[in-house]
Amino acid sequence: MFEQRPTLELFFEQLGLESNSEAMDEFIKTHQIGMDVPLHKAPFWSQSQHDFLISHWKKDDEWAMMVDILNEQLHTEALLTASTHD
């Protein structure tokens, strides 16, 4: 059985999002969330996207690393702001 190794592109596809590099960069740029907002609670996810994120994060499976990477990328502005105010 052939299984693809998880990549951010495949992760975006699993979430039903465009997965070319320009679309992913634009999504990350335009969907920044504050430090007080957990990734899965961001207001822009559909219920199925929310469930996908939670499921793989809780299972700590091969997609969990992609959840962590996306979480970090969507909190970039908040992290930068926090570090400049310390």
PDB file of N, CA and C in Angstrom:
ATOM      1  N   MET A   1       0.840  -1.188   0.000  1.00  0.00           N
ATOM      2  CA  MET A   1       0.000   0.000   0.000  1.00  0.00           C
ATOM      3  C   MET A   1       0.882   1.247   0.000  1.00  0.00           C
ATOM      4  N   PHE A   2       0.587   2.188  -0.867  1.00  0.00           N
ATOM      5  CA  PHE A   2       1.354   3.422  -0.984  1.00  0.00           C
ATOM      6  C   PHE A   2       0.735   4.502  -0.107  1.00  0.00           C
ATOM      7  N   GLU A   3       1.555   5.049   0.765  1.00  0.00           N
ATOM      8  CA  GLU A   3       1.097   6.164   1.588  1.00  0.00           C
ATOM      9  C   GLU A   3       2.075   7.316   1.411  1.00  0.00           C
ATOM     10  N   GLN A   4       1.541   8.495   1.131  1.00  0.00           N
ATOM     11  CA  GLN A   4       2.398   9.653   0.976  1.00  0.00           C
ATOM     12  C   GLN A   4       2.790  10.189   2.343  1.00  0.00           C
ATOM     13  N   ARG A   5       4.012  10.643   2.417  1.00  0.00           N
ATOM     14  CA  ARG A   5       4.476  11.280   3.643  1.00  0.00           C
ATOM     15  C   ARG A   5       3.792  12.651   3.761  1.00  0.00           C
ATOM     16  N   PRO A   6       3.315  12.998   4.938  1.00  0.00           N
ATOM     17  CA  PRO A   6       2.632  14.290   5.094  1.00  0.00           C
ATOM     18  C   PRO A   6       3.540  15.468   4.744  1.00  0.00           C
ATOM     19  N   THR A   7       2.984  16.367   3.983  1.00  0.00           N
ATOM     20  CA  THR A   7       3.643  17.633   3.661  1.00  0.00           C
ATOM     21  C   THR A   7       2.618  18.729   3.933  1.00  0.00           C
ATOM     22  N   LEU A   8       3.090  19.950   3.998  1.00  0.00           N
ATOM     23  CA  LEU A   8       2.159  21.055   4.213  1.00  0.00           C
ATOM     24  C   LEU A   8       1.189  21.170   3.043  1.00  0.00           C
ATOM     25  N   GLU A   9       1.663  20.883   1.837  1.00  0.00           N
ATOM     26  CA  GLU A   9       0.788  20.930   0.664  1.00  0.00           C
ATOM     27  C   GLU A   9      -0.339  19.905   0.780  1.00  0.00           C
ATOM     28  N   LEU A  10       0.010  18.680   1.163  1.00  0.00           N
ATOM     29  CA  LEU A  10      -1.018  17.648   1.345  1.00  0.00           C
ATOM     30  C   LEU A  10      -1.950  17.992   2.503  1.00  0.00           C
ATOM     31  N   PHE A  11      -1.398  18.608   3.525  1.00  0.00           N
ATOM     32  CA  PHE A  11      -2.206  19.013   4.672  1.00  0.00           C
ATOM     33  C   PHE A  11      -3.253  20.040   4.259  1.00  0.00           C
ATOM     34  N   PHE A  12      -2.839  21.020   3.461  1.00  0.00           N
ATOM     35  CA  PHE A  12      -3.782  22.015   2.961  1.00  0.00           C
ATOM     36  C   PHE A  12      -4.861  21.339   2.117  1.00  0.00           C
ATOM     37  N   GLU A  13      -4.459  20.372   1.298  1.00  0.00           N
ATOM     38  CA  GLU A  13      -5.439  19.637   0.500  1.00  0.00           C
ATOM     39  C   GLU A  13      -6.431  18.910   1.399  1.00  0.00           C
ATOM     40  N   GLN A  14      -5.948  18.289   2.453  1.00  0.00           N
ATOM     41  CA  GLN A  14      -6.823  17.581   3.385  1.00  0.00           C
ATOM     42  C   GLN A  14      -7.824  18.530   4.042  1.00  0.00           C
ATOM     43  N   LEU A  15      -7.407  19.771   4.219  1.00  0.00           N
ATOM     44  CA  LEU A  15      -8.301  20.777   4.796  1.00  0.00           C
ATOM     45  C   LEU A  15      -9.225  21.397   3.740  1.00  0.00           C
ATOM     46  N   GLY A  16      -9.062  20.974   2.489  1.00  0.00           N
ATOM     47  CA  GLY A  16      -9.903  21.506   1.416  1.00  0.00           C
ATOM     48  C   GLY A  16      -9.466  22.883   0.955  1.00  0.00           C
ATOM     49  N   LEU A  17      -8.200  23.213   1.172  1.00  0.00           N
ATOM     50  CA  LEU A  17      -7.668  24.516   0.796  1.00  0.00           C
ATOM     51  C   LEU A  17      -6.752  24.377  -0.418  1.00  0.00           C
ATOM     52  N   GLU A  18      -6.566  25.473  -1.127  1.00  0.00           N
ATOM     53  CA  GLU A  18      -5.623  25.455  -2.245  1.00  0.00           C
ATOM     54  C   GLU A  18      -4.232  25.168  -1.703  1.00  0.00           C
ATOM     55  N   SER A  19      -3.478  24.351  -2.442  1.00  0.00           N
ATOM     56  CA  SER A  19      -2.205  23.889  -1.898  1.00  0.00           C
ATOM     57  C   SER A  19      -0.975  24.312  -2.693  1.00  0.00           C
ATOM     58  N   ASN A  20      -1.141  25.255  -3.633  1.00  0.00           N
ATOM     59  CA  ASN A  20       0.066  25.754  -4.291  1.00  0.00           C
ATOM     60  C   ASN A  20       0.741  26.761  -3.354  1.00  0.00           C
ATOM     61  N   SER A  21       2.011  26.996  -3.546  1.00  0.00           N
ATOM     62  CA  SER A  21       2.766  27.806  -2.590  1.00  0.00           C
ATOM     63  C   SER A  21       2.218  29.228  -2.448  1.00  0.00           C
ATOM     64  N   GLU A  22       1.774  29.828  -3.546  1.00  0.00           N
ATOM     65  CA  GLU A  22       1.229  31.188  -3.459  1.00  0.00           C
ATOM     66  C   GLU A  22      -0.058  31.211  -2.633  1.00  0.00           C
ATOM     67  N   ALA A  23      -0.931  30.243  -2.853  1.00  0.00           N
ATOM     68  CA  ALA A  23      -2.197  30.186  -2.111  1.00  0.00           C
ATOM     69  C   ALA A  23      -1.950  29.913  -0.630  1.00  0.00           C
ATOM     70  N   MET A  24      -1.011  29.029  -0.342  1.00  0.00           N
ATOM     71  CA  MET A  24      -0.707  28.741   1.070  1.00  0.00           C
ATOM     72  C   MET A  24      -0.124  29.972   1.752  1.00  0.00           C
ATOM     73  N   ASP A  25       0.801  30.657   1.086  1.00  0.00           N
ATOM     74  CA  ASP A  25       1.382  31.878   1.657  1.00  0.00           C
ATOM     75  C   ASP A  25       0.305  32.925   1.908  1.00  0.00           C
ATOM     76  N   GLU A  26      -0.608  33.077   0.956  1.00  0.00           N
ATOM     77  CA  GLU A  26      -1.687  34.059   1.098  1.00  0.00           C
ATOM     78  C   GLU A  26      -2.616  33.681   2.255  1.00  0.00           C
ATOM     79  N   PHE A  27      -2.950  32.396   2.368  1.00  0.00           N
ATOM     80  CA  PHE A  27      -3.804  31.949   3.467  1.00  0.00           C
ATOM     81  C   PHE A  27      -3.141  32.262   4.808  1.00  0.00           C
ATOM     82  N   ILE A  28      -1.893  31.933   4.930  1.00  0.00           N
ATOM     83  CA  ILE A  28      -1.169  32.170   6.184  1.00  0.00           C
ATOM     84  C   ILE A  28      -1.090  33.661   6.482  1.00  0.00           C
ATOM     85  N   LYS A  29      -0.824  34.454   5.476  1.00  0.00           N
ATOM     86  CA  LYS A  29      -0.722  35.909   5.649  1.00  0.00           C
ATOM     87  C   LYS A  29      -2.060  36.522   6.074  1.00  0.00           C
ATOM     88  N   THR A  30      -3.153  36.052   5.505  1.00  0.00           N
ATOM     89  CA  THR A  30      -4.462  36.681   5.745  1.00  0.00           C
ATOM     90  C   THR A  30      -5.283  36.019   6.852  1.00  0.00           C
ATOM     91  N   HIS A  31      -4.747  34.987   7.484  1.00  0.00           N
ATOM     92  CA  HIS A  31      -5.481  34.292   8.545  1.00  0.00           C
ATOM     93  C   HIS A  31      -4.699  34.233   9.854  1.00  0.00           C
ATOM     94  N   GLN A  32      -3.948  35.280  10.143  1.00  0.00           N
ATOM     95  CA  GLN A  32      -3.196  35.321  11.388  1.00  0.00           C
ATOM     96  C   GLN A  32      -4.161  35.402  12.570  1.00  0.00           C
ATOM     97  N   ILE A  33      -3.808  34.704  13.647  1.00  0.00           N
ATOM     98  CA  ILE A  33      -4.657  34.687  14.847  1.00  0.00           C
ATOM     99  C   ILE A  33      -3.830  35.078  16.066  1.00  0.00           C
ATOM    100  N   GLY A  34      -4.518  35.591  17.070  1.00  0.00           N
ATOM    101  CA  GLY A  34      -3.856  36.020  18.295  1.00  0.00           C
ATOM    102  C   GLY A  34      -3.407  34.850  19.155  1.00  0.00           C
ATOM    103  N   MET A  35      -2.504  35.140  20.061  1.00  0.00           N
ATOM    104  CA  MET A  35      -1.978  34.095  20.937  1.00  0.00           C
ATOM    105  C   MET A  35      -3.056  33.485  21.828  1.00  0.00           C
ATOM    106  N   ASP A  36      -4.118  34.222  22.062  1.00  0.00           N
ATOM    107  CA  ASP A  36      -5.198  33.722  22.903  1.00  0.00           C
ATOM    108  C   ASP A  36      -6.173  32.819  22.145  1.00  0.00           C
ATOM    109  N   VAL A  37      -5.943  32.616  20.854  1.00  0.00           N
ATOM    110  CA  VAL A  37      -6.828  31.790  20.026  1.00  0.00           C
ATOM    111  C   VAL A  37      -6.105  30.503  19.634  1.00  0.00           C
ATOM    112  N   PRO A  38      -6.550  29.367  20.178  1.00  0.00           N
ATOM    113  CA  PRO A  38      -5.955  28.100  19.748  1.00  0.00           C
ATOM    114  C   PRO A  38      -6.264  27.862  18.267  1.00  0.00           C
ATOM    115  N   LEU A  39      -5.365  27.185  17.596  1.00  0.00           N
ATOM    116  CA  LEU A  39      -5.521  26.949  16.162  1.00  0.00           C
ATOM    117  C   LEU A  39      -6.902  26.415  15.811  1.00  0.00           C
ATOM    118  N   HIS A  40      -7.350  25.384  16.501  1.00  0.00           N
ATOM    119  CA  HIS A  40      -8.621  24.747  16.152  1.00  0.00           C
ATOM    120  C   HIS A  40      -9.834  25.622  16.444  1.00  0.00           C
ATOM    121  N   LYS A  41      -9.657  26.684  17.230  1.00  0.00           N
ATOM    122  CA  LYS A  41     -10.773  27.573  17.557  1.00  0.00           C
ATOM    123  C   LYS A  41     -10.801  28.830  16.687  1.00  0.00           C
ATOM    124  N   ALA A  42      -9.909  28.916  15.722  1.00  0.00           N
ATOM    125  CA  ALA A  42      -9.921  30.072  14.822  1.00  0.00           C
ATOM    126  C   ALA A  42     -11.278  30.127  14.112  1.00  0.00           C
ATOM    127  N   PRO A  43     -11.824  31.326  13.965  1.00  0.00           N
ATOM    128  CA  PRO A  43     -13.187  31.462  13.445  1.00  0.00           C
ATOM    129  C   PRO A  43     -13.371  31.103  11.973  1.00  0.00           C
ATOM    130  N   PHE A  44     -12.301  30.937  11.240  1.00  0.00           N
ATOM    131  CA  PHE A  44     -12.434  30.684   9.806  1.00  0.00           C
ATOM    132  C   PHE A  44     -12.532  29.211   9.440  1.00  0.00           C
ATOM    133  N   TRP A  45     -12.371  28.285  10.387  1.00  0.00           N
ATOM    134  CA  TRP A  45     -12.473  26.854  10.065  1.00  0.00           C
ATOM    135  C   TRP A  45     -13.927  26.409   9.981  1.00  0.00           C
ATOM    136  N   SER A  46     -14.196  25.531   9.057  1.00  0.00           N
ATOM    137  CA  SER A  46     -15.498  24.863   9.029  1.00  0.00           C
ATOM    138  C   SER A  46     -15.479  23.791  10.124  1.00  0.00           C
ATOM    139  N   GLN A  47     -16.622  23.207  10.403  1.00  0.00           N
ATOM    140  CA  GLN A  47     -16.676  22.161  11.425  1.00  0.00           C
ATOM    141  C   GLN A  47     -15.797  20.966  11.038  1.00  0.00           C
ATOM    142  N   SER A  48     -15.810  20.590   9.771  1.00  0.00           N
ATOM    143  CA  SER A  48     -15.005  19.443   9.350  1.00  0.00           C
ATOM    144  C   SER A  48     -13.500  19.756   9.425  1.00  0.00           C
ATOM    145  N   GLN A  49     -13.107  20.981   9.114  1.00  0.00           N
ATOM    146  CA  GLN A  49     -11.701  21.362   9.243  1.00  0.00           C
ATOM    147  C   GLN A  49     -11.285  21.351  10.709  1.00  0.00           C
ATOM    148  N   HIS A  50     -12.144  21.892  11.563  1.00  0.00           N
ATOM    149  CA  HIS A  50     -11.904  21.883  13.014  1.00  0.00           C
ATOM    150  C   HIS A  50     -11.722  20.451  13.494  1.00  0.00           C
ATOM    151  N   ASP A  51     -12.622  19.574  13.111  1.00  0.00           N
ATOM    152  CA  ASP A  51     -12.561  18.176  13.534  1.00  0.00           C
ATOM    153  C   ASP A  51     -11.292  17.494  13.031  1.00  0.00           C
ATOM    154  N   PHE A  52     -10.885  17.793  11.806  1.00  0.00           N
ATOM    155  CA  PHE A  52      -9.658  17.233  11.242  1.00  0.00           C
ATOM    156  C   PHE A  52      -8.446  17.662  12.070  1.00  0.00           C
ATOM    157  N   LEU A  53      -8.361  18.946  12.375  1.00  0.00           N
ATOM    158  CA  LEU A  53      -7.245  19.460  13.168  1.00  0.00           C
ATOM    159  C   LEU A  53      -7.187  18.804  14.539  1.00  0.00           C
ATOM    160  N   ILE A  54      -8.324  18.775  15.229  1.00  0.00           N
ATOM    161  CA  ILE A  54      -8.380  18.193  16.574  1.00  0.00           C
ATOM    162  C   ILE A  54      -8.046  16.709  16.542  1.00  0.00           C
ATOM    163  N   SER A  55      -8.626  16.008  15.621  1.00  0.00           N
ATOM    164  CA  SER A  55      -8.437  14.565  15.533  1.00  0.00           C
ATOM    165  C   SER A  55      -6.962  14.199  15.394  1.00  0.00           C
ATOM    166  N   HIS A  56      -6.286  14.838  14.474  1.00  0.00           N
ATOM    167  CA  HIS A  56      -4.889  14.483  14.234  1.00  0.00           C
ATOM    168  C   HIS A  56      -3.969  15.005  15.327  1.00  0.00           C
ATOM    169  N   TRP A  57      -4.300  16.115  15.922  1.00  0.00           N
ATOM    170  CA  TRP A  57      -3.504  16.627  17.032  1.00  0.00           C
ATOM    171  C   TRP A  57      -3.611  15.687  18.237  1.00  0.00           C
ATOM    172  N   LYS A  58      -4.829  15.259  18.550  1.00  0.00           N
ATOM    173  CA  LYS A  58      -5.035  14.356  19.691  1.00  0.00           C
ATOM    174  C   LYS A  58      -4.405  12.985  19.462  1.00  0.00           C
ATOM    175  N   LYS A  59      -4.490  12.494  18.229  1.00  0.00           N
ATOM    176  CA  LYS A  59      -3.903  11.184  17.915  1.00  0.00           C
ATOM    177  C   LYS A  59      -2.378  11.239  17.911  1.00  0.00           C
ATOM    178  N   ASP A  60      -1.838  12.441  17.757  1.00  0.00           N
ATOM    179  CA  ASP A  60      -0.394  12.623  17.631  1.00  0.00           C
ATOM    180  C   ASP A  60       0.149  11.720  16.526  1.00  0.00           C
ATOM    181  N   ASP A  61      -0.583  11.683  15.421  1.00  0.00           N
ATOM    182  CA  ASP A  61      -0.197  10.839  14.293  1.00  0.00           C
ATOM    183  C   ASP A  61       0.726  11.599  13.340  1.00  0.00           C
ATOM    184  N   GLU A  62       0.898  11.067  12.147  1.00  0.00           N
ATOM    185  CA  GLU A  62       1.823  11.680  11.186  1.00  0.00           C
ATOM    186  C   GLU A  62       1.408  13.084  10.754  1.00  0.00           C
ATOM    187  N   TRP A  63       0.128  13.421  10.886  1.00  0.00           N
ATOM    188  CA  TRP A  63      -0.337  14.767  10.522  1.00  0.00           C
ATOM    189  C   TRP A  63      -0.128  15.776  11.653  1.00  0.00           C
ATOM    190  N   ALA A  64       0.136  15.302  12.861  1.00  0.00           N
ATOM    191  CA  ALA A  64       0.270  16.198  14.011  1.00  0.00           C
ATOM    192  C   ALA A  64       1.380  17.231  13.804  1.00  0.00           C
ATOM    193  N   MET A  65       2.464  16.839  13.140  1.00  0.00           N
ATOM    194  CA  MET A  65       3.537  17.788  12.877  1.00  0.00           C
ATOM    195  C   MET A  65       3.053  18.909  11.971  1.00  0.00           C
ATOM    196  N   MET A  66       2.203  18.580  11.009  1.00  0.00           N
ATOM    197  CA  MET A  66       1.664  19.612  10.117  1.00  0.00           C
ATOM    198  C   MET A  66       0.726  20.546  10.889  1.00  0.00           C
ATOM    199  N   VAL A  67      -0.026  19.997  11.841  1.00  0.00           N
ATOM    200  CA  VAL A  67      -0.878  20.832  12.703  1.00  0.00           C
ATOM    201  C   VAL A  67       0.002  21.815  13.459  1.00  0.00           C
ATOM    202  N   ASP A  68       1.102  21.329  14.022  1.00  0.00           N
ATOM    203  CA  ASP A  68       2.020  22.199  14.764  1.00  0.00           C
ATOM    204  C   ASP A  68       2.635  23.279  13.873  1.00  0.00           C
ATOM    205  N   ILE A  69       3.037  22.900  12.685  1.00  0.00           N
ATOM    206  CA  ILE A  69       3.642  23.870  11.759  1.00  0.00           C
ATOM    207  C   ILE A  69       2.630  24.951  11.380  1.00  0.00           C
ATOM    208  N   LEU A  70       1.421  24.542  11.038  1.00  0.00           N
ATOM    209  CA  LEU A  70       0.395  25.522  10.677  1.00  0.00           C
ATOM    210  C   LEU A  70       0.055  26.406  11.874  1.00  0.00           C
ATOM    211  N   ASN A  71      -0.017  25.819  13.048  1.00  0.00           N
ATOM    212  CA  ASN A  71      -0.282  26.584  14.263  1.00  0.00           C
ATOM    213  C   ASN A  71       0.766  27.683  14.437  1.00  0.00           C
ATOM    214  N   GLU A  72       2.010  27.322  14.290  1.00  0.00           N
ATOM    215  CA  GLU A  72       3.088  28.298  14.429  1.00  0.00           C
ATOM    216  C   GLU A  72       2.986  29.382  13.362  1.00  0.00           C
ATOM    217  N   GLN A  73       2.717  28.988  12.130  1.00  0.00           N
ATOM    218  CA  GLN A  73       2.655  29.962  11.044  1.00  0.00           C
ATOM    219  C   GLN A  73       1.476  30.922  11.185  1.00  0.00           C
ATOM    220  N   LEU A  74       0.353  30.440  11.701  1.00  0.00           N
ATOM    221  CA  LEU A  74      -0.813  31.311  11.856  1.00  0.00           C
ATOM    222  C   LEU A  74      -0.721  32.195  13.102  1.00  0.00           C
ATOM    223  N   HIS A  75       0.261  31.940  13.947  1.00  0.00           N
ATOM    224  CA  HIS A  75       0.498  32.777  15.127  1.00  0.00           C
ATOM    225  C   HIS A  75       1.750  33.644  14.974  1.00  0.00           C
ATOM    226  N   THR A  76       2.338  33.697  13.786  1.00  0.00           N
ATOM    227  CA  THR A  76       3.595  34.421  13.574  1.00  0.00           C
ATOM    228  C   THR A  76       3.507  35.880  13.994  1.00  0.00           C
ATOM    229  N   GLU A  77       2.487  36.590  13.535  1.00  0.00           N
ATOM    230  CA  GLU A  77       2.362  38.017  13.868  1.00  0.00           C
ATOM    231  C   GLU A  77       2.200  38.219  15.369  1.00  0.00           C
ATOM    232  N   ALA A  78       1.415  37.365  16.000  1.00  0.00           N
ATOM    233  CA  ALA A  78       1.210  37.481  17.446  1.00  0.00           C
ATOM    234  C   ALA A  78       2.510  37.220  18.198  1.00  0.00           C
ATOM    235  N   LEU A  79       3.284  36.255  17.739  1.00  0.00           N
ATOM    236  CA  LEU A  79       4.576  35.971  18.376  1.00  0.00           C
ATOM    237  C   LEU A  79       5.537  37.126  18.200  1.00  0.00           C
ATOM    238  N   LEU A  80       5.566  37.717  17.017  1.00  0.00           N
ATOM    239  CA  LEU A  80       6.450  38.855  16.772  1.00  0.00           C
ATOM    240  C   LEU A  80       6.042  40.048  17.623  1.00  0.00           C
ATOM    241  N   THR A  81       4.755  40.305  17.730  1.00  0.00           N
ATOM    242  CA  THR A  81       4.260  41.405  18.535  1.00  0.00           C
ATOM    243  C   THR A  81       4.601  41.188  20.004  1.00  0.00           C
ATOM    244  N   ALA A  82       4.407  39.971  20.488  1.00  0.00           N
ATOM    245  CA  ALA A  82       4.707  39.652  21.882  1.00  0.00           C
ATOM    246  C   ALA A  82       6.191  39.838  22.172  1.00  0.00           C
ATOM    247  N   SER A  83       7.048  39.440  21.250  1.00  0.00           N
ATOM    248  CA  SER A  83       8.488  39.540  21.494  1.00  0.00           C
ATOM    249  C   SER A  83       8.985  40.979  21.462  1.00  0.00           C
ATOM    250  N   THR A  84       8.297  41.853  20.733  1.00  0.00           N
ATOM    251  CA  THR A  84       8.717  43.260  20.691  1.00  0.00           C
ATOM    252  C   THR A  84       8.209  44.035  21.889  1.00  0.00           C
ATOM    253  N   HIS A  85       7.239  43.486  22.615  1.00  0.00           N
ATOM    254  CA  HIS A  85       6.698  44.164  23.797  1.00  0.00           C
ATOM    255  C   HIS A  85       7.304  43.660  25.093  1.00  0.00           C
ATOM    256  N   ASP A  86       8.225  42.729  25.017  1.00  0.00           N
ATOM    257  CA  ASP A  86       8.870  42.201  26.238  1.00  0.00           C
ATOM    258  C   ASP A  86       9.987  43.080  26.701  1.00  0.00           C
TER     259      ASP A  86
END
